[in-house]
Amino acid sequence: MPCASLNPGNAGFSNQFVPFVVLLLLGTSHGFQNGRQGSRPSAHLNFYRGRQRVMWCDRDPSVCLDREKNPWGGTTCCFRKFCKDTMSDSSHCGACGRACGYGRACCDGYCVDVQNDPYHCGSCFEECPGETKCSFAMCDYGG
């Protein structure tokens, strides 16, 4: 007889719990159904997939020179994988993998100190007029 008796305290919990589980399962199955009906992958995945397909230059380094296949620029195939602009990319300045340090920029393939260089003050080819000095990436700072 003890197996046939019900505890009324548990009956209230199970009566509230069952509808919650049913709603949860319905919501989950609805989400799966929408996912199968031709929804597109996220934009991030499309972006990565597109960049990867275009940027791999190991089999055909000339892909870096073709603006239709490589609209992002960069004419040098670095590490047989990525098209990079070694004339202005501060992570690949002058050659693949040659990185410029903090406060430096890649100008024409050379790492320059844009904080203090009067010919590249603040950015590449921003020349300070006359005899003014470049300090803190500004011409005639505090002058």
Foldseek 3Di string as FASTA:
>chain_A
DVVPDDDVVVVVVVVVVVVVVVVVVVVVVVVVVVVPPDDDDDPVVVVVVLCQVLFQCLVPLCSQVDCVSPVPHANGNAPNGGRHPLQWDQCAQLHHRNHADPQWTRHGRDTDRLQWDQCAQLHHRNHAPDPFTHHRSDTNVVD
